[in-house]
N, C-alpha and C. Protein backbone atom coordinates (compact mmCIF):
# COMPACT_ATOMS: atom_id res chain seq x y z
N MET A 1 29.62 -5.52 -31.79
CA MET A 1 28.46 -4.97 -31.36
C MET A 1 28.81 -3.59 -31.03
N ALA A 2 27.56 -2.85 -30.67
CA ALA A 2 28.09 -1.49 -30.09
C ALA A 2 27.24 -1.13 -28.80
N ASN A 3 27.36 -0.35 -27.93
CA ASN A 3 26.79 0.07 -26.93
C ASN A 3 25.35 0.77 -27.37
N VAL A 4 24.17 0.09 -26.63
CA VAL A 4 23.12 0.57 -26.98
C VAL A 4 22.28 1.14 -25.36
N PHE A 5 21.62 2.38 -26.11
CA PHE A 5 20.72 3.15 -24.93
C PHE A 5 19.66 2.90 -25.04
N ARG A 6 18.90 1.92 -24.68
CA ARG A 6 17.50 1.51 -24.89
C ARG A 6 16.47 2.62 -24.51
N ASN A 7 16.75 3.25 -23.16
CA ASN A 7 16.15 4.46 -22.64
C ASN A 7 17.05 5.44 -21.87
N THR A 8 16.68 6.27 -21.15
CA THR A 8 17.53 6.88 -20.21
C THR A 8 17.99 6.43 -19.27
N ARG A 9 17.29 5.03 -18.56
CA ARG A 9 17.74 4.65 -17.57
C ARG A 9 18.26 3.27 -17.60
N VAL A 10 18.16 2.72 -18.72
CA VAL A 10 19.32 1.61 -18.70
C VAL A 10 20.38 1.56 -19.79
N TRP A 11 21.59 1.37 -19.72
CA TRP A 11 22.46 1.53 -20.82
C TRP A 11 22.83 0.01 -20.79
N ALA A 12 22.81 -0.55 -22.10
CA ALA A 12 23.64 -1.81 -22.50
C ALA A 12 24.85 -1.70 -23.35
N LEU A 13 25.98 -1.77 -22.58
CA LEU A 13 27.54 -1.75 -23.04
C LEU A 13 28.30 -2.81 -23.14
N ASP A 14 28.86 -3.10 -24.15
CA ASP A 14 29.48 -3.93 -24.30
C ASP A 14 31.14 -3.33 -25.36
N THR A 15 31.16 -2.49 -25.83
CA THR A 15 32.49 -1.83 -26.00
C THR A 15 33.15 -0.83 -25.13
N ALA A 16 34.21 -0.72 -24.75
CA ALA A 16 34.93 0.15 -24.35
C ALA A 16 34.91 1.74 -24.69
N ALA A 17 34.69 2.62 -24.18
CA ALA A 17 34.31 3.84 -24.62
C ALA A 17 34.17 4.81 -23.95
N GLN A 18 34.14 6.33 -24.18
CA GLN A 18 33.80 6.96 -23.00
C GLN A 18 32.24 7.52 -23.34
N ILE A 19 31.66 7.07 -22.41
CA ILE A 19 30.16 7.35 -22.25
C ILE A 19 29.72 9.05 -22.05
N ALA A 20 30.01 9.34 -21.63
CA ALA A 20 29.71 10.69 -20.86
C ALA A 20 31.28 11.46 -20.61
N PRO A 21 31.17 12.50 -21.31
CA PRO A 21 32.15 13.43 -21.24
C PRO A 21 32.17 13.96 -19.67
N ARG A 22 33.62 14.36 -19.17
CA ARG A 22 34.03 15.28 -18.25
C ARG A 22 33.02 16.45 -18.21
N GLY A 23 32.73 16.50 -16.54
CA GLY A 23 31.63 17.62 -16.55
C GLY A 23 29.94 17.32 -16.41
N VAL A 24 29.86 16.08 -16.84
CA VAL A 24 28.74 15.30 -16.74
C VAL A 24 28.41 14.43 -15.57
N GLU A 25 27.82 14.70 -14.81
CA GLU A 25 27.74 13.84 -13.60
C GLU A 25 26.31 12.71 -13.80
N ILE A 26 26.75 11.41 -13.76
CA ILE A 26 26.10 10.53 -14.19
C ILE A 26 26.08 9.50 -12.90
N ARG A 27 24.53 9.81 -12.05
CA ARG A 27 23.89 8.62 -10.66
C ARG A 27 23.86 7.37 -11.31
N VAL A 28 24.77 6.70 -10.84
CA VAL A 28 24.87 4.94 -11.52
C VAL A 28 23.75 4.35 -9.89
N LYS A 29 22.94 4.00 -10.51
CA LYS A 29 22.09 3.25 -9.51
C LYS A 29 22.50 1.72 -9.02
N GLY A 30 22.72 1.26 -10.43
CA GLY A 30 23.21 -0.15 -10.43
C GLY A 30 23.86 -0.86 -11.72
N LEU A 31 24.59 -2.29 -11.46
CA LEU A 31 25.88 -2.36 -12.39
C LEU A 31 25.22 -4.01 -12.87
N ARG A 32 25.28 -4.60 -13.72
CA ARG A 32 25.23 -6.11 -14.11
C ARG A 32 26.09 -6.39 -14.96
N TRP A 33 26.52 -7.25 -14.67
CA TRP A 33 27.91 -7.59 -15.85
C TRP A 33 27.47 -9.03 -16.33
N VAL A 34 27.60 -9.05 -17.52
CA VAL A 34 26.47 -10.67 -18.10
C VAL A 34 27.51 -11.34 -19.23
N GLY A 35 27.74 -12.60 -19.32
CA GLY A 35 28.54 -12.75 -20.47
C GLY A 35 30.25 -13.12 -20.66
N ALA A 36 30.75 -13.21 -19.44
CA ALA A 36 32.01 -13.11 -19.14
C ALA A 36 32.54 -14.79 -19.42
N SER A 37 33.23 -14.78 -20.62
CA SER A 37 33.37 -16.04 -20.92
C SER A 37 34.58 -17.02 -20.32
N ASN A 38 35.50 -16.24 -19.99
CA ASN A 38 36.98 -17.07 -19.03
C ASN A 38 37.06 -16.48 -17.83
N ALA A 39 37.74 -17.27 -17.17
CA ALA A 39 38.15 -16.49 -15.92
C ALA A 39 39.28 -15.37 -16.17
N GLY A 40 39.32 -14.34 -15.63
CA GLY A 40 40.44 -13.74 -15.93
C GLY A 40 39.44 -12.73 -16.47
N ASP A 41 38.63 -12.73 -17.22
CA ASP A 41 37.99 -11.73 -18.14
C ASP A 41 37.78 -10.40 -17.12
N SER A 42 37.51 -9.19 -17.49
CA SER A 42 37.32 -7.79 -16.43
C SER A 42 36.43 -6.63 -17.23
N CYS A 43 35.99 -6.15 -16.50
CA CYS A 43 35.13 -5.18 -16.34
C CYS A 43 35.77 -3.70 -15.57
N ILE A 44 35.79 -2.89 -16.40
CA ILE A 44 36.39 -1.73 -15.52
C ILE A 44 35.71 -0.27 -15.70
N ILE A 45 35.35 0.34 -14.88
CA ILE A 45 34.43 1.48 -15.16
C ILE A 45 35.56 2.60 -14.97
N LYS A 46 36.04 3.71 -15.26
CA LYS A 46 36.76 4.79 -14.38
C LYS A 46 35.74 6.38 -14.94
N ASP A 47 36.02 7.21 -14.07
CA ASP A 47 35.84 8.60 -14.04
C ASP A 47 36.70 9.10 -15.22
N THR A 48 36.17 10.48 -15.65
CA THR A 48 37.39 10.71 -16.86
C THR A 48 38.74 11.43 -16.28
N ASN A 49 38.88 11.36 -15.37
CA ASN A 49 40.36 11.71 -14.75
C ASN A 49 41.21 10.59 -14.97
N GLY A 50 40.24 8.90 -14.92
CA GLY A 50 41.19 7.92 -14.84
C GLY A 50 41.46 7.28 -13.86
N CYS A 51 40.29 7.78 -13.02
CA CYS A 51 40.24 6.89 -11.74
C CYS A 51 39.27 5.68 -11.72
N ILE A 52 39.67 4.30 -10.98
CA ILE A 52 38.89 3.54 -11.08
C ILE A 52 37.62 3.51 -10.28
N VAL A 53 36.37 3.51 -10.58
CA VAL A 53 35.29 3.38 -9.74
C VAL A 53 34.50 1.95 -9.46
N TRP A 54 34.63 1.38 -10.33
CA TRP A 54 34.10 -0.25 -10.40
C TRP A 54 34.84 -0.90 -11.28
N GLU A 55 35.09 -2.28 -10.33
CA GLU A 55 35.89 -3.09 -11.23
C GLU A 55 35.64 -4.57 -10.40
N SER A 56 35.48 -5.22 -11.92
CA SER A 56 35.27 -6.85 -11.59
C SER A 56 36.18 -7.78 -12.28
N VAL A 57 36.61 -8.65 -11.96
CA VAL A 57 37.11 -10.14 -12.57
C VAL A 57 36.57 -11.35 -12.40
N ALA A 58 36.11 -11.83 -13.63
CA ALA A 58 35.27 -12.79 -13.57
C ALA A 58 36.37 -14.08 -13.04
N ASN A 59 35.89 -15.19 -12.27
CA ASN A 59 36.62 -16.37 -12.20
C ASN A 59 36.13 -17.68 -12.50
N GLY A 60 35.16 -17.46 -13.69
CA GLY A 60 35.09 -18.58 -14.47
C GLY A 60 33.91 -18.35 -15.79
N ALA A 61 33.87 -19.17 -16.39
CA ALA A 61 32.89 -19.20 -17.28
C ALA A 61 31.21 -18.80 -16.93
N ASN A 62 30.48 -17.90 -18.15
CA ASN A 62 29.25 -17.55 -17.79
C ASN A 62 29.08 -16.81 -16.44
N PHE A 63 29.99 -16.00 -16.31
CA PHE A 63 30.14 -14.81 -14.82
C PHE A 63 29.20 -14.06 -14.97
N ILE A 64 28.66 -13.88 -14.01
CA ILE A 64 27.54 -12.61 -13.68
C ILE A 64 28.49 -11.97 -12.20
N GLU A 65 28.20 -10.81 -12.85
CA GLU A 65 28.58 -9.72 -11.23
C GLU A 65 27.22 -8.45 -11.09
N SER A 66 26.55 -8.83 -10.44
CA SER A 66 25.51 -7.82 -10.04
C SER A 66 25.89 -7.05 -9.11
N ASP A 67 25.71 -5.72 -8.96
CA ASP A 67 25.89 -4.79 -7.85
C ASP A 67 25.21 -3.68 -7.65
N ALA A 68 24.69 -3.14 -6.37
CA ALA A 68 23.71 -1.80 -6.62
C ALA A 68 24.77 -0.76 -5.83
N PRO A 69 25.78 -0.19 -6.35
CA PRO A 69 26.46 0.60 -5.86
C PRO A 69 26.19 1.84 -5.51
N SER A 70 25.05 2.49 -6.27
CA SER A 70 24.63 3.69 -6.13
C SER A 70 25.93 4.71 -5.92
N PHE A 71 26.57 5.31 -6.80
CA PHE A 71 27.37 6.25 -7.04
C PHE A 71 27.44 7.39 -7.91
N THR A 72 27.88 8.60 -7.74
CA THR A 72 27.93 9.60 -8.72
C THR A 72 29.10 9.61 -9.44
N ILE A 73 29.47 9.93 -10.89
CA ILE A 73 30.71 9.68 -11.38
C ILE A 73 30.60 11.13 -12.12
N ASN A 74 32.00 11.69 -11.72
CA ASN A 74 32.28 13.05 -13.29
C ASN A 74 32.65 12.37 -14.41
N GLY A 75 31.79 12.31 -15.47
CA GLY A 75 31.91 11.45 -16.70
C GLY A 75 31.88 10.46 -16.56
N PHE A 76 31.98 9.28 -17.62
CA PHE A 76 31.76 7.93 -17.45
C PHE A 76 32.34 7.38 -18.81
N VAL A 77 33.73 6.53 -18.30
CA VAL A 77 34.40 5.90 -19.06
C VAL A 77 34.44 4.24 -18.86
N LEU A 78 33.79 3.67 -20.00
CA LEU A 78 33.67 1.85 -19.77
C LEU A 78 35.15 1.53 -20.45
N ASP A 79 36.17 1.26 -19.40
CA ASP A 79 37.62 1.80 -19.94
C ASP A 79 38.00 0.13 -20.46
N THR A 80 37.36 -0.96 -19.56
CA THR A 80 37.45 -2.45 -20.53
C THR A 80 36.50 -2.82 -20.27
N ILE A 81 36.03 -4.12 -21.04
CA ILE A 81 35.01 -4.95 -20.86
C ILE A 81 35.76 -5.98 -22.27
N SER A 82 35.99 -7.10 -21.04
CA SER A 82 37.26 -8.34 -21.82
C SER A 82 35.70 -9.09 -23.08
N THR A 83 34.78 -9.46 -22.47
CA THR A 83 33.37 -10.23 -23.10
C THR A 83 32.27 -9.76 -22.26
N GLY A 84 31.29 -10.10 -22.68
CA GLY A 84 29.91 -9.62 -22.10
C GLY A 84 29.20 -8.70 -22.62
N ARG A 85 28.35 -8.15 -21.59
CA ARG A 85 27.70 -6.87 -21.65
C ARG A 85 27.47 -6.65 -20.33
N LEU A 86 27.83 -5.23 -20.24
CA LEU A 86 27.43 -4.13 -18.99
C LEU A 86 26.25 -3.62 -19.09
N TYR A 87 25.13 -4.25 -17.90
CA TYR A 87 23.90 -3.26 -18.00
C TYR A 87 24.35 -2.24 -16.68
N VAL A 88 24.06 -1.12 -16.75
CA VAL A 88 23.84 0.28 -16.28
C VAL A 88 22.67 0.95 -15.89
N GLU A 89 22.16 0.98 -14.74
CA GLU A 89 20.97 1.69 -14.47
C GLU A 89 21.37 3.16 -13.52
N VAL A 90 20.66 3.93 -14.50
CA VAL A 90 21.29 5.41 -14.16
C VAL A 90 19.93 6.03 -13.37
N GLN A 91 20.16 7.20 -12.82
CA GLN A 91 19.05 8.01 -12.24
C GLN A 91 19.05 9.12 -13.34
């Protein structure tokens, strides 16, 4: 599948990629990772400098992680998504 930007406020991401380039500030309001199929599956968000800003590791099948971290990131890289889909709410 491919990443989907349904509107400017919610992104549905299932493919590791650079989503926003360096110099573009993204304000993240909330995250929800659904559909991880095995323990050990991971989802990692980094900034364009390679710094991890959010990370989750599934502890079993049908794992769901929901978080409302509210942070600003310089660029946006979905570095790793083993399985499932990450929903990102942006401001």
